Protein backbone atom coordinates (compact mmCIF):
# COMPACT_ATOMS: atom_id res chain seq x y z
CA MET A 1 133.86 82.48 175.27
CA GLY A 2 135.07 84.91 177.90
CA ARG A 3 134.14 88.55 177.45
CA GLY A 4 137.13 89.97 179.35
CA ASP A 5 140.14 91.63 177.83
CA GLY A 6 142.76 89.70 179.82
CA THR A 7 143.31 92.36 182.47
CA GLY A 8 143.48 91.18 186.09
CA ARG A 9 144.62 87.73 184.98
CA LEU A 10 145.49 85.22 187.73
CA VAL A 11 147.33 81.92 187.24
CA SER A 12 148.55 79.19 189.56
CA PRO A 13 152.24 78.48 190.13
CA ASP A 14 153.75 75.05 189.53
CA GLY A 15 152.98 72.73 192.41
CA ALA A 16 149.75 74.53 193.35
CA ASP A 17 147.47 72.67 195.74
CA ASP A 18 144.70 70.76 193.91
CA ARG A 19 143.22 68.85 196.88
CA GLY A 20 139.54 68.01 196.49
CA THR A 21 139.35 69.02 192.83
CA ARG A 22 137.96 66.94 190.00
CA ILE A 23 136.27 69.35 187.57
CA LEU A 24 138.05 71.12 184.71
CA HIS A 25 136.52 73.95 182.71
CA VAL A 26 138.45 74.35 179.45
CA ASP A 27 137.87 77.49 177.39
CA MET A 28 139.64 78.26 174.14
CA ASP A 29 141.19 81.74 174.06
CA ALA A 30 139.38 84.15 171.69
CA PHE A 31 138.67 81.08 169.58
CA TYR A 32 137.50 82.57 166.28
CA PRO A 33 140.23 85.27 166.09
CA SER A 34 142.85 82.75 167.21
CA VAL A 35 141.93 80.42 164.36
CA GLU A 36 142.21 83.33 161.93
CA VAL A 37 145.71 84.12 163.29
CA LEU A 38 146.63 80.44 162.98
CA ASP A 39 145.71 80.55 159.28
CA ASP A 40 147.20 84.01 158.70
CA PRO A 41 150.13 84.67 161.07
CA SER A 42 150.41 88.27 159.80
CA LEU A 43 147.36 89.02 162.00
CA ALA A 44 149.20 88.10 165.21
CA GLY A 45 149.20 90.83 167.85
CA LYS A 46 146.70 92.98 165.96
CA PRO A 47 143.15 93.96 166.96
CA ILE A 48 140.91 91.54 165.06
CA ILE A 49 137.13 91.57 164.82
CA VAL A 50 135.41 88.48 163.42
CA GLY A 51 131.98 89.21 162.01
CA GLY A 52 130.00 90.73 159.17
CA ALA A 53 132.29 92.94 157.12
CA GLU A 54 129.60 95.55 156.55
CA GLY A 55 128.99 98.33 159.04
CA ARG A 56 125.54 96.81 159.78
CA GLY A 57 127.11 93.51 160.76
CA VAL A 58 127.49 92.07 164.24
CA VAL A 59 130.67 91.13 166.09
CA SER A 60 130.95 87.36 166.50
CA SER A 61 134.22 87.55 168.43
CA ALA A 62 137.20 89.83 168.97
CA SER A 63 140.86 89.33 169.79
CA TYR A 64 142.15 90.45 173.18
CA GLU A 65 143.85 93.38 171.47
CA ALA A 66 140.44 94.58 170.22
CA ARG A 67 138.70 93.84 173.51
CA GLN A 68 141.02 96.28 175.27
CA PHE A 69 139.24 99.01 173.29
CA GLY A 70 135.85 97.82 174.55
CA VAL A 71 134.88 95.63 171.59
CA ARG A 72 132.61 92.77 172.63
CA SER A 73 130.73 89.95 170.93
CA ALA A 74 127.15 90.73 169.82
CA MET A 75 128.09 94.42 169.44
CA SER A 76 127.16 96.09 166.17
CA MET A 77 130.09 96.38 163.78
CA GLY A 78 129.55 100.11 163.47
CA VAL A 79 129.98 100.63 167.22
CA ALA A 80 132.96 98.25 167.34
CA LEU A 81 134.79 100.14 164.60
CA ARG A 82 134.15 103.46 166.31
CA LEU A 83 135.74 102.05 169.48
CA CYS A 84 138.63 100.48 167.58
CA PRO A 85 138.94 102.06 164.11
CA GLN A 86 142.28 100.36 163.47
CA ALA A 87 140.75 96.89 163.86
CA ILE A 88 141.03 94.32 161.09
CA VAL A 89 137.61 92.85 160.24
CA VAL A 90 137.66 89.20 159.21
CA THR A 91 134.72 87.30 157.73
CA PRO A 92 133.89 84.19 159.81
CA HIS A 93 134.99 80.77 158.55
CA PHE A 94 132.63 78.60 160.55
CA ASP A 95 133.54 75.31 158.87
CA ARG A 96 137.16 75.85 159.89
CA TYR A 97 136.16 76.66 163.48
CA ALA A 98 133.98 73.55 163.61
CA ALA A 99 136.80 71.31 162.38
CA LEU A 100 139.22 72.60 165.01
CA SER A 101 136.54 72.32 167.69
CA ARG A 102 136.07 68.65 166.87
CA GLN A 103 139.83 68.14 167.09
CA VAL A 104 139.97 69.80 170.51
CA MET A 105 136.97 67.83 171.81
CA ALA A 106 138.63 64.61 170.62
CA ILE A 107 141.66 65.45 172.77
CA PHE A 108 139.37 65.86 175.78
CA HIS A 109 137.74 62.48 175.10
CA ASP A 110 141.19 60.87 174.97
CA VAL A 111 141.58 61.81 178.63
CA THR A 112 138.09 61.14 180.04
CA PRO A 113 134.71 60.04 178.68
CA LEU A 114 133.04 62.58 181.00
CA VAL A 115 133.04 65.61 178.71
CA GLU A 116 130.22 68.17 178.61
CA PRO A 117 130.54 70.62 175.70
CA LEU A 118 129.01 74.00 176.50
CA SER A 119 129.61 75.51 173.08
CA ILE A 120 131.97 75.23 170.14
CA ASP A 121 134.92 76.45 172.23
CA GLU A 122 134.43 75.34 175.84
CA ALA A 123 133.66 72.23 177.86
CA PHE A 124 133.56 70.75 181.35
CA LEU A 125 135.58 67.61 182.11
CA ASP A 126 135.26 65.33 185.15
CA VAL A 127 138.71 63.75 185.60
CA SER A 128 138.03 61.88 188.84
CA GLY A 129 138.27 58.54 187.02
CA ALA A 130 141.37 59.49 185.04
CA ARG A 131 143.79 59.99 187.94
CA ARG A 132 145.32 56.53 187.82
CA LEU A 133 146.18 56.89 184.16
CA TRP A 134 147.04 60.59 183.85
CA GLY A 135 147.80 61.90 187.35
CA SER A 136 146.21 64.59 189.52
CA PRO A 137 143.69 67.11 188.15
CA ALA A 138 146.43 69.77 188.01
CA GLN A 139 148.71 67.43 186.07
CA ILE A 140 145.88 66.54 183.68
CA ALA A 141 145.13 70.22 183.09
CA ARG A 142 148.75 70.98 182.25
CA MET A 143 148.90 67.99 179.91
CA LEU A 144 145.70 69.08 178.14
CA ARG A 145 146.96 72.61 177.61
CA ALA A 146 150.20 71.26 176.14
CA ARG A 147 148.37 68.80 173.85
CA VAL A 148 145.91 71.40 172.56
CA LYS A 149 148.79 73.74 171.78
CA SER A 150 150.99 71.13 170.10
CA GLU A 151 148.21 69.44 168.10
CA THR A 152 146.18 72.48 167.02
CA GLY A 153 148.45 75.49 167.48
CA LEU A 154 145.80 77.13 169.68
CA THR A 155 145.87 78.09 173.35
CA CYS A 156 143.25 77.42 176.00
CA SER A 157 142.66 78.45 179.59
CA ILE A 158 141.63 75.97 182.27
CA GLY A 159 140.02 76.32 185.66
CA VAL A 160 140.43 73.40 188.07
CA ALA A 161 138.10 73.15 191.08
CA ALA A 162 135.80 70.95 193.13
CA THR A 163 132.65 72.21 191.35
CA LYS A 164 131.59 73.33 187.88
CA HIS A 165 130.75 76.83 189.06
CA VAL A 166 134.14 77.53 190.62
CA ALA A 167 136.02 75.90 187.73
CA LYS A 168 134.27 78.23 185.26
CA ILE A 169 135.09 81.31 187.31
CA ALA A 170 138.71 80.16 187.55
CA SER A 171 139.12 79.64 183.81
CA THR A 172 137.72 83.11 183.10
CA ILE A 173 140.12 84.76 185.54
CA SER A 174 143.11 82.88 184.08
CA LYS A 175 142.51 84.02 180.48
CA PRO A 176 144.25 84.18 178.16
CA ASP A 177 146.48 81.10 178.05
CA GLY A 178 146.36 80.39 181.76
CA LEU A 179 145.70 77.75 184.39
CA LEU A 180 144.09 78.55 187.75
CA ILE A 181 143.62 75.86 190.38
CA VAL A 182 141.24 76.38 193.31
CA SER A 183 141.57 73.62 195.86
CA GLU A 184 138.58 72.64 197.96
CA PRO A 185 140.07 74.17 201.16
CA GLU A 186 140.70 77.45 199.30
CA THR A 187 137.25 77.70 197.70
CA ALA A 188 135.54 79.86 200.34
CA ALA A 189 138.29 82.47 200.40
CA PHE A 190 138.56 82.46 196.60
CA LEU A 191 134.85 83.13 196.14
CA ALA A 192 134.60 85.74 198.90
CA ALA A 193 137.15 87.92 197.07
CA ARG A 194 135.17 87.92 193.80
CA PRO A 195 132.61 90.55 192.72
CA VAL A 196 129.00 89.36 192.61
CA ARG A 197 129.08 89.72 188.82
CA ALA A 198 131.54 86.80 188.71
CA LEU A 199 128.90 84.38 190.01
CA TRP A 200 127.59 82.16 187.25
CA GLY A 201 124.11 83.32 186.24
CA VAL A 202 124.31 86.83 187.71
CA GLY A 203 123.62 89.07 184.73
CA PRO A 204 123.65 92.87 184.57
CA LYS A 205 120.12 93.31 185.97
CA ALA A 206 120.68 90.92 188.88
CA ALA A 207 124.04 92.55 189.62
CA GLU A 208 122.43 96.00 189.65
CA ALA A 209 119.71 94.78 192.03
CA LEU A 210 122.37 93.44 194.42
CA GLU A 211 124.71 96.41 194.13
CA ALA A 212 121.83 98.80 194.82
CA ARG A 213 121.61 97.13 198.24
CA GLY A 214 125.34 97.40 198.86
CA ILE A 215 126.00 93.78 197.91
CA ARG A 216 129.02 94.13 195.64
CA MET A 217 131.30 91.24 196.58
CA VAL A 218 130.59 87.59 197.23
CA ALA A 219 131.71 88.28 200.80
CA ASP A 220 128.72 90.65 201.03
CA VAL A 221 126.41 87.87 199.87
CA LEU A 222 127.68 85.69 202.70
CA ASP A 223 126.71 88.40 205.19
CA THR A 224 123.26 88.96 203.67
CA PRO A 225 120.17 87.16 205.05
CA ARG A 226 118.55 84.89 202.53
CA ALA A 227 115.28 86.84 202.80
CA VAL A 228 117.04 89.96 201.51
CA LEU A 229 118.49 88.03 198.56
CA ASN A 230 115.03 86.66 197.79
CA ARG A 231 113.51 90.15 197.77
CA ALA A 232 116.27 91.46 195.50
CA LEU A 233 116.37 88.58 193.02
CA GLY A 234 113.28 86.47 193.56
CA PRO A 235 113.17 83.22 195.58
CA ALA A 236 114.67 80.91 192.93
CA MET A 237 117.61 83.14 192.01
CA GLY A 238 118.11 84.20 195.62
CA GLU A 239 118.45 80.59 196.73
CA ARG A 240 120.85 79.76 193.89
CA ILE A 241 123.12 82.72 194.64
CA TRP A 242 123.09 81.87 198.35
CA HIS A 243 124.40 78.38 197.54
CA LEU A 244 126.90 79.40 194.84
CA ALA A 245 128.46 82.04 197.08
CA ARG A 246 129.25 79.23 199.53
CA GLY A 247 130.77 77.00 196.88
CA LEU A 248 127.77 74.66 196.89
CA ASP A 249 127.06 73.31 193.42
CA ALA A 250 125.73 69.77 193.07
CA ARG A 251 125.65 69.74 189.26
CA GLU A 252 127.58 66.90 187.67
CA VAL A 253 129.29 66.86 184.30
CA SER A 254 126.63 65.67 181.85
CA THR A 255 127.73 63.88 178.70
CA GLU A 256 124.21 64.09 177.26
CA ARG A 257 123.81 67.79 176.69
CA ILE A 258 120.23 68.86 176.04
CA GLU A 259 119.58 71.81 173.78
CA LYS A 260 117.28 74.41 175.33
CA SER A 261 116.51 76.14 172.07
CA VAL A 262 117.55 76.40 168.43
CA GLY A 263 117.46 79.71 166.61
CA HIS A 264 118.68 81.80 163.71
CA GLU A 265 118.57 85.55 163.22
CA GLU A 266 119.65 87.97 160.50
CA THR A 267 120.91 91.55 160.67
CA PHE A 268 120.02 93.35 157.46
CA LEU A 269 122.43 95.46 155.47
CA GLU A 270 119.67 98.08 155.23
CA ASP A 271 116.62 98.51 157.45
CA ILE A 272 113.54 96.89 155.89
CA ARG A 273 109.93 98.08 156.17
CA ASP A 274 108.39 95.88 153.47
CA ALA A 275 106.25 93.27 155.26
CA VAL A 276 106.37 90.93 152.27
CA VAL A 277 110.17 90.86 152.37
CA LEU A 278 110.15 90.31 156.12
CA ARG A 279 107.72 87.39 155.84
CA THR A 280 109.99 85.87 153.19
CA GLU A 281 112.96 86.14 155.57
CA LEU A 282 110.91 84.50 158.32
CA ARG A 283 110.25 81.55 156.00
CA ARG A 284 113.96 81.25 155.26
CA LEU A 285 114.88 81.36 158.96
CA ALA A 286 112.11 78.94 159.94
CA ASP A 287 113.39 76.39 157.42
CA ARG A 288 116.92 76.71 158.84
CA VAL A 289 115.64 76.26 162.41
CA ALA A 290 113.56 73.25 161.37
CA ALA A 291 116.51 71.64 159.58
CA ARG A 292 118.67 71.97 162.69
CA LEU A 293 115.90 70.53 164.85
CA ARG A 294 115.66 67.50 162.56
CA ASP A 295 119.45 67.11 162.50
CA GLY A 296 119.47 67.00 166.29
CA GLY A 297 116.44 64.73 166.61
CA TRP A 298 114.35 67.45 168.33
CA GLU A 299 110.92 69.00 168.13
CA ALA A 300 110.03 72.47 169.44
CA ALA A 301 106.94 73.03 171.57
CA THR A 302 107.24 76.83 171.33
CA VAL A 303 108.13 79.17 168.46
CA ALA A 304 109.63 82.58 169.31
CA LEU A 305 110.03 85.67 167.14
CA LYS A 306 112.58 88.44 167.66
CA LEU A 307 112.38 91.87 166.00
CA ARG A 308 114.85 94.73 166.36
CA PHE A 309 113.78 98.04 164.90
CA ALA A 310 115.92 100.82 163.43
CA ASP A 311 116.11 102.59 166.82
CA PHE A 312 117.35 99.32 168.42
CA THR A 313 114.06 98.71 170.23
CA THR A 314 113.85 94.91 170.47
CA LEU A 315 110.63 92.91 170.80
CA SER A 316 110.20 89.19 171.51
CA ARG A 317 107.01 87.23 171.06
CA SER A 318 106.36 83.50 171.46
CA GLN A 319 103.59 80.99 171.01
CA THR A 320 103.23 77.45 172.33
CA LEU A 321 102.07 74.97 169.70
CA GLY A 322 99.31 72.43 170.03
CA GLU A 323 101.86 69.74 169.22
CA PRO A 324 105.68 70.06 169.10
CA THR A 325 107.10 70.16 165.58
CA ASN A 326 110.24 70.27 163.47
CA VAL A 327 108.35 71.05 160.26
CA GLY A 328 109.55 74.22 158.56
CA GLN A 329 106.11 75.18 157.27
CA ARG A 330 104.54 74.97 160.73
CA ILE A 331 107.35 76.96 162.38
CA GLY A 332 107.19 79.56 159.61
CA ASP A 333 103.39 79.88 159.85
CA THR A 334 103.65 80.50 163.59
CA ALA A 335 106.50 83.01 163.25
CA ILE A 336 104.56 84.94 160.60
CA GLU A 337 101.41 84.91 162.74
CA LEU A 338 103.41 86.42 165.62
CA PHE A 339 104.98 88.95 163.24
CA GLU A 340 101.61 90.11 161.91
CA ARG A 341 100.46 91.04 165.42
CA ILE A 342 103.25 93.63 165.72
CA PRO A 343 102.69 97.11 164.20
CA LEU A 344 105.51 98.05 161.82
CA ASP A 345 105.91 101.60 163.12
CA GLN A 346 109.46 101.79 161.78
CA PRO A 347 111.86 99.75 159.63
CA VAL A 348 113.32 96.48 160.93
CA ARG A 349 117.04 96.06 161.52
CA LEU A 350 117.13 92.42 162.71
CA ILE A 351 114.73 89.51 162.61
CA GLY A 352 114.99 86.08 164.23
CA VAL A 353 113.14 82.79 164.71
CA ARG A 354 113.73 80.34 167.53
CA GLY A 355 112.36 76.93 168.49
CA GLU A 356 112.08 76.51 172.27
CA LYS A 357 111.03 73.94 174.87
CA LEU A 358 112.65 71.13 172.92
CA ARG A 359 111.94 67.45 173.35
CA ALA A 360 113.00 64.31 171.52
CA ALA A 361 111.28 63.92 168.15
CA GLY A 362 108.44 61.40 168.20
CA PHE A 363 108.24 61.49 172.00
CA ALA A 364 104.44 61.33 171.99
CA GLY A 365 104.29 58.54 169.42
CA ALA A 366 102.52 58.55 166.08
CA ALA A 367 99.20 60.42 165.82
CA LEU A 368 96.14 58.91 164.11
CA TRP A 369 96.59 61.48 161.34
CA ASP A 370 99.28 64.00 160.52
CA ASP A 371 98.19 67.42 159.25
CA ASP A 372 101.79 68.12 158.23
CA GLU A 373 102.40 64.89 156.32
CA GLU A 374 102.83 66.60 152.96
CA TRP A 375 105.12 69.26 154.40
CA ARG A 376 107.19 66.57 156.11
CA ARG A 377 107.79 65.01 152.69
CA VAL A 378 108.92 68.41 151.41
CA ASP A 379 111.34 68.72 154.35
CA GLU A 380 112.67 65.22 153.71
CA ALA A 381 113.37 66.17 150.11
CA LEU A 382 115.10 69.39 151.20
CA ASP A 383 117.18 67.48 153.76
CA GLY A 384 118.24 64.97 151.15
CA ALA A 385 119.26 67.67 148.70
CA ARG A 386 121.21 69.57 151.37
CA GLU A 387 122.97 66.38 152.45
CA ARG A 388 124.03 65.69 148.89
CA PHE A 389 124.68 69.17 147.49
CA GLY A 390 125.12 71.43 150.53
CA ARG A 391 122.98 74.05 152.22
CA GLY A 392 121.50 76.56 149.80
CA ALA A 393 121.54 74.15 146.84
CA VAL A 394 117.75 73.86 146.99
CA THR A 395 115.14 75.97 148.73
CA ARG A 396 111.54 77.13 148.51
CA ALA A 397 110.66 79.24 145.47
CA SER A 398 108.99 81.70 147.86
CA VAL A 399 112.32 82.62 149.46
CA LEU A 400 114.36 83.00 146.28
CA GLY A 401 116.04 86.36 145.87
CA ALA A 402 119.08 88.28 146.98
CA ARG A 403 120.28 87.59 150.52
CA ARG A 404 119.67 90.61 152.74
CA ASP A 405 121.63 89.45 155.76
CA VAL A 406 125.32 89.74 156.57
CA ASP A 407 126.04 86.01 156.62
CA ALA A 408 126.08 86.18 160.41
CA LEU A 409 126.80 82.97 162.28
CA PRO A 410 123.85 81.12 163.83
CA THR A 411 122.74 82.69 167.09
CA ASN A 412 123.27 79.35 168.83
CA PRO A 413 125.87 77.53 166.72
CA ARG A 414 126.11 73.81 167.46
CA LEU A 415 128.09 71.04 165.85
CA ARG A 416 126.10 68.12 164.58
CA ASP A 417 128.38 65.59 166.29
CA LEU A 418 129.94 67.85 168.93
CA GLU A 419 128.47 65.94 171.86
CA SER A 420 130.09 62.70 170.73
CA GLY A 421 133.48 64.34 170.39
CA ALA A 422 133.75 62.86 166.90
């Protein structure tokens, strides 16, 4: 999801040169708010914030009208409403978003089997093998935009380029509801005119390190010795930026997307100091993380804890396990152990659990004995009940009680069958 507000938008004219291109980056426009407008047309043209309705909630997404006031995803709802007090706050309808995402991904798979979903609302497509059937990459992009609009009622923006990196930059610049084509011969000039912050992977800290040395545009990167980039960013990042600035990106579209981590976090309606309550929430979150790991066929080798205090100080702690796991009890035990090492000097605003360093479940084969065998049976029973009756129908007695979160969306929402395009 792009974070821009649509200003500075660039699009390609009809008949634009698409020589040397084969990669499309398709990004739905303000996906969550757009779905809400689709279901309630009276919201059209208004500043919409999708997220927790309470002032302690977090912004999941915002319409372009709200973004023009500075509202951004992951911002606290209180800050967002101070920036845009006239905004309409809408509670997320994740099942609806997931259904439309599957419909959009199915359209992509109609055109090419080489589809790499990045999230619920964006994907890379390699259309090199689809030319004979559908035409040039530019023609395919126009057809896809028309199909998505006619079949779902939603708009998308598409970047067309020779590499994934340039295609992603192009789609961002063309938003909303645009198409930008960057031919291979035009790539160098296109990149040179972009700010360094446009390069994929350059976050705020990296951008500040470059700008402090007078490196503000990609053209400046081209004139900077690699040794200077390495000192500013570190050898690995310096080398990557050196290549990306020159349009060099060897990454292919991967149809087998590998999760890097799975996590859930909760923002509380009121700050909580009670350690017993916080440990209960960690159990609840650990069970949700474990269930998603099992759904995806993964195990986590590392468990990470995130705490945000009342003054917005945020701490992260992690621990690598002796053996990777997708057992809720084991993940919860580790998260609580990490939690108990942190002094509770003030109340907690947000708490999160994440499984990291994922690998395929059962990768190491069966052990001679399984210390978690009984807990695995508990998880199997929970999974069966959730499959039959829905999430929340059955849970541990230790986590029963009023929900203290704002029903925020998962921090890394994935669709169970998104990768297959089903």
